[in-house]
C-alpha atoms as a PDB file:
ATOM      1  CA  MET A   1      23.519  36.980 -18.999  1.00  0.00           C
ATOM      2  CA  SER A   2      23.836  33.458 -20.079  1.00  0.00           C
ATOM      3  CA  ILE A   3      22.393  31.715 -22.477  1.00  0.00           C
ATOM      4  CA  GLN A   4      20.117  29.728 -20.626  1.00  0.00           C
ATOM      5  CA  ASP A   5      18.627  33.053 -18.892  1.00  0.00           C
ATOM      6  CA  ILE A   6      18.286  34.510 -22.166  1.00  0.00           C
ATOM      7  CA  ILE A   7      16.173  30.781 -23.071  1.00  0.00           C
ATOM      8  CA  GLU A   8      14.478  30.522 -19.570  1.00  0.00           C
ATOM      9  CA  GLY A   9      13.286  34.520 -20.429  1.00  0.00           C
ATOM     10  CA  LYS A  10      11.937  34.019 -23.925  1.00  0.00           C
ATOM     11  CA  LYS A  11       9.901  30.496 -22.185  1.00  0.00           C
ATOM     12  CA  GLN A  12       8.653  32.671 -19.142  1.00  0.00           C
ATOM     13  CA  TRP A  13       7.725  35.112 -22.152  1.00  0.00           C
ATOM     14  CA  ARG A  14       6.355  32.727 -23.875  1.00  0.00           C
ATOM     15  CA  ALA A  15       3.919  31.645 -21.636  1.00  0.00           C
ATOM     16  CA  HIS A  16       2.691  34.984 -20.912  1.00  0.00           C
ATOM     17  CA  VAL A  17       1.930  35.792 -24.523  1.00  0.00           C
ATOM     18  CA  ALA A  18      -0.111  32.808 -24.458  1.00  0.00           C
ATOM     19  CA  ARG A  19      -2.359  33.674 -21.208  1.00  0.00           C
ATOM     20  CA  VAL A  20      -2.730  36.771 -22.361  1.00  0.00           C
ATOM     21  CA  ARG A  21      -3.869  35.216 -26.290  1.00  0.00           C
ATOM     22  CA  ALA A  22      -6.692  32.857 -23.786  1.00  0.00           C
ATOM     23  CA  LEU A  23      -8.251  36.483 -22.597  1.00  0.00           C
ATOM     24  CA  PRO A  24     -11.445  37.296 -23.827  1.00  0.00           C
ATOM     25  CA  PRO A  25     -10.674  39.663 -26.825  1.00  0.00           C
ATOM     26  CA  ASP A  26     -11.498  43.006 -25.096  1.00  0.00           C
ATOM     27  CA  TYR A  27      -9.481  42.231 -22.769  1.00  0.00           C
ATOM     28  CA  GLN A  28      -6.985  41.285 -25.261  1.00  0.00           C
ATOM     29  CA  ILE A  29      -7.555  44.576 -26.918  1.00  0.00           C
ATOM     30  CA  VAL A  30      -6.608  46.276 -23.509  1.00  0.00           C
ATOM     31  CA  TYR A  31      -4.044  44.451 -22.144  1.00  0.00           C
ATOM     32  CA  LYS A  32      -2.212  45.321 -25.795  1.00  0.00           C
ATOM     33  CA  GLU A  33      -3.024  49.122 -25.911  1.00  0.00           C
ATOM     34  CA  MET A  34      -1.435  49.046 -21.890  1.00  0.00           C
ATOM     35  CA  GLN A  35       1.681  47.272 -22.335  1.00  0.00           C
ATOM     36  CA  LYS A  36       2.363  49.922 -25.602  1.00  0.00           C
ATOM     37  CA  TYR A  37       1.737  52.476 -23.334  1.00  0.00           C
ATOM     38  CA  LEU A  38       3.773  51.259 -19.949  1.00  0.00           C
ATOM     39  CA  PHE A  39       6.322  49.713 -22.462  1.00  0.00           C
ATOM     40  CA  LYS A  40       6.378  53.914 -23.698  1.00  0.00           C
ATOM     41  CA  VAL A  41       6.403  55.753 -20.092  1.00  0.00           C
ATOM     42  CA  GLY A  42       6.594  52.952 -16.743  1.00  0.00           C
ATOM     43  CA  PRO A  43       8.912  51.512 -14.986  1.00  0.00           C
ATOM     44  CA  ILE A  44      12.501  50.942 -15.515  1.00  0.00           C
ATOM     45  CA  SER A  45      11.836  47.336 -13.876  1.00  0.00           C
ATOM     46  CA  LEU A  46       8.798  46.450 -16.443  1.00  0.00           C
ATOM     47  CA  PRO A  47      10.551  43.674 -18.223  1.00  0.00           C
ATOM     48  CA  ASP A  48      11.928  42.160 -15.599  1.00  0.00           C
ATOM     49  CA  GLY A  49       9.085  42.936 -12.473  1.00  0.00           C
ATOM     50  CA  PRO A  50       5.400  41.750 -11.444  1.00  0.00           C
ATOM     51  CA  LEU A  51       3.559  44.247 -13.005  1.00  0.00           C
ATOM     52  CA  LEU A  52       2.574  42.733 -16.437  1.00  0.00           C
ATOM     53  CA  PRO A  53       2.156  39.553 -15.635  1.00  0.00           C
ATOM     54  CA  GLY A  54       0.266  41.171 -12.006  1.00  0.00           C
ATOM     55  CA  ILE A  55      -1.895  42.531 -14.697  1.00  0.00           C
ATOM     56  CA  VAL A  56      -2.778  39.116 -16.252  1.00  0.00           C
ATOM     57  CA  ASP A  57      -3.713  37.342 -13.075  1.00  0.00           C
ATOM     58  CA  PHE A  58      -5.815  40.515 -12.891  1.00  0.00           C
ATOM     59  CA  PHE A  59      -8.209  40.461 -16.085  1.00  0.00           C
ATOM     60  CA  GLU A  60      -8.306  36.321 -15.368  1.00  0.00           C
ATOM     61  CA  GLU A  61      -9.830  37.375 -11.927  1.00  0.00           C
ATOM     62  CA  GLY A  62     -12.729  39.558 -13.793  1.00  0.00           C
ATOM     63  CA  VAL A  63     -13.138  36.840 -16.685  1.00  0.00           C
ATOM     64  CA  ALA A  64     -14.188  34.639 -13.664  1.00  0.00           C
ATOM     65  CA  ALA A  65     -16.436  36.489 -12.511  1.00  0.00           C
ATOM     66  CA  ASP A  66     -17.960  37.710 -15.359  1.00  0.00           C
ATOM     67  CA  LYS A  67     -17.011  41.192 -15.667  1.00  0.00           C
ATOM     68  CA  GLY A  68     -16.286  43.446 -18.577  1.00  0.00           C
ATOM     69  CA  VAL A  69     -13.075  44.886 -19.404  1.00  0.00           C
ATOM     70  CA  LEU A  70     -13.890  48.421 -18.674  1.00  0.00           C
ATOM     71  CA  GLU A  71     -16.036  47.567 -15.367  1.00  0.00           C
ATOM     72  CA  LEU A  72     -12.310  46.890 -13.797  1.00  0.00           C
ATOM     73  CA  ILE A  73     -10.148  49.436 -15.323  1.00  0.00           C
ATOM     74  CA  GLY A  74     -12.208  51.981 -15.427  1.00  0.00           C
ATOM     75  CA  THR A  75     -12.300  54.120 -19.391  1.00  0.00           C
ATOM     76  CA  ASP A  76      -8.731  55.649 -19.276  1.00  0.00           C
ATOM     77  CA  VAL A  77      -6.556  53.015 -19.670  1.00  0.00           C
ATOM     78  CA  ALA A  78      -3.415  55.761 -19.518  1.00  0.00           C
ATOM     79  CA  ALA A  79      -4.557  56.564 -16.146  1.00  0.00           C
ATOM     80  CA  PHE A  80      -5.071  53.361 -14.704  1.00  0.00           C
ATOM     81  CA  CYS A  81      -1.985  52.439 -16.034  1.00  0.00           C
ATOM     82  CA  ASP A  82      -0.321  55.791 -14.417  1.00  0.00           C
ATOM     83  CA  GLY A  83      -1.624  54.543 -11.102  1.00  0.00           C
ATOM     84  CA  LEU A  84      -0.218  51.340 -11.293  1.00  0.00           C
ATOM     85  CA  VAL A  85       3.351  53.027 -11.800  1.00  0.00           C
ATOM     86  CA  LYS A  86       3.299  56.335  -9.260  1.00  0.00           C
ATOM     87  CA  ASP A  87       5.844  55.274  -7.057  1.00  0.00           C
ATOM     88  CA  SER A  88       8.236  53.363  -9.524  1.00  0.00           C
ATOM     89  CA  PRO A  89      11.078  54.942 -11.398  1.00  0.00           C
ATOM     90  CA  THR A  90      10.131  55.442 -15.300  1.00  0.00           C
ATOM     91  CA  TYR A  91      12.615  55.698 -18.245  1.00  0.00           C
ATOM     92  CA  ALA A  92      10.837  59.579 -18.053  1.00  0.00           C
ATOM     93  CA  ASP A  93      12.353  59.695 -14.224  1.00  0.00           C
ATOM     94  CA  ALA A  94      15.930  59.446 -15.175  1.00  0.00           C
ATOM     95  CA  TYR A  95      16.083  61.225 -18.102  1.00  0.00           C
ATOM     96  CA  GLN A  96      15.186  64.176 -16.210  1.00  0.00           C
ATOM     97  CA  GLU A  97      17.301  63.480 -13.392  1.00  0.00           C
ATOM     98  CA  SER A  98      20.271  62.622 -16.640  1.00  0.00           C
ATOM     99  CA  ILE A  99      19.458  66.497 -17.570  1.00  0.00           C
ATOM    100  CA  SER A 100      18.708  68.584 -14.666  1.00  0.00           C
ATOM    101  CA  GLY A 101      22.211  67.174 -13.144  1.00  0.00           C
ATOM    102  CA  GLU A 102      24.759  70.379 -13.797  1.00  0.00           C
ATOM    103  CA  PRO A 103      26.746  70.233 -16.769  1.00  0.00           C
ATOM    104  CA  GLY A 104      29.161  67.758 -17.181  1.00  0.00           C
ATOM    105  CA  ALA A 105      28.350  65.531 -14.095  1.00  0.00           C
ATOM    106  CA  ALA A 106      27.318  62.952 -16.026  1.00  0.00           C
ATOM    107  CA  ALA A 107      31.151  62.783 -16.974  1.00  0.00           C
ATOM    108  CA  LYS A 108      32.068  62.130 -13.248  1.00  0.00           C
END
């Protein structure tokens, strides 16, 4: 990864954060909780993937339609997040695979 890639990544992240800050307060709170949850249990591709920007797109559409955030996702934020990542390999899956193998399999 070059310096230019790092700089571009930071620019993209700052633009993403600016979009989140433009959302109404209730959407921001739910987004931050979703982000926290997804960084804990989410897919391996989360930092570079389209999931977080897709959530912001979804929330912006909800704001434009004048809907409350809980109308969009329901009251169980974790269940909504689990539905988003159900088919994606997670860090927990990778860890489980690493410990379920034969003893010494990691050394091969």
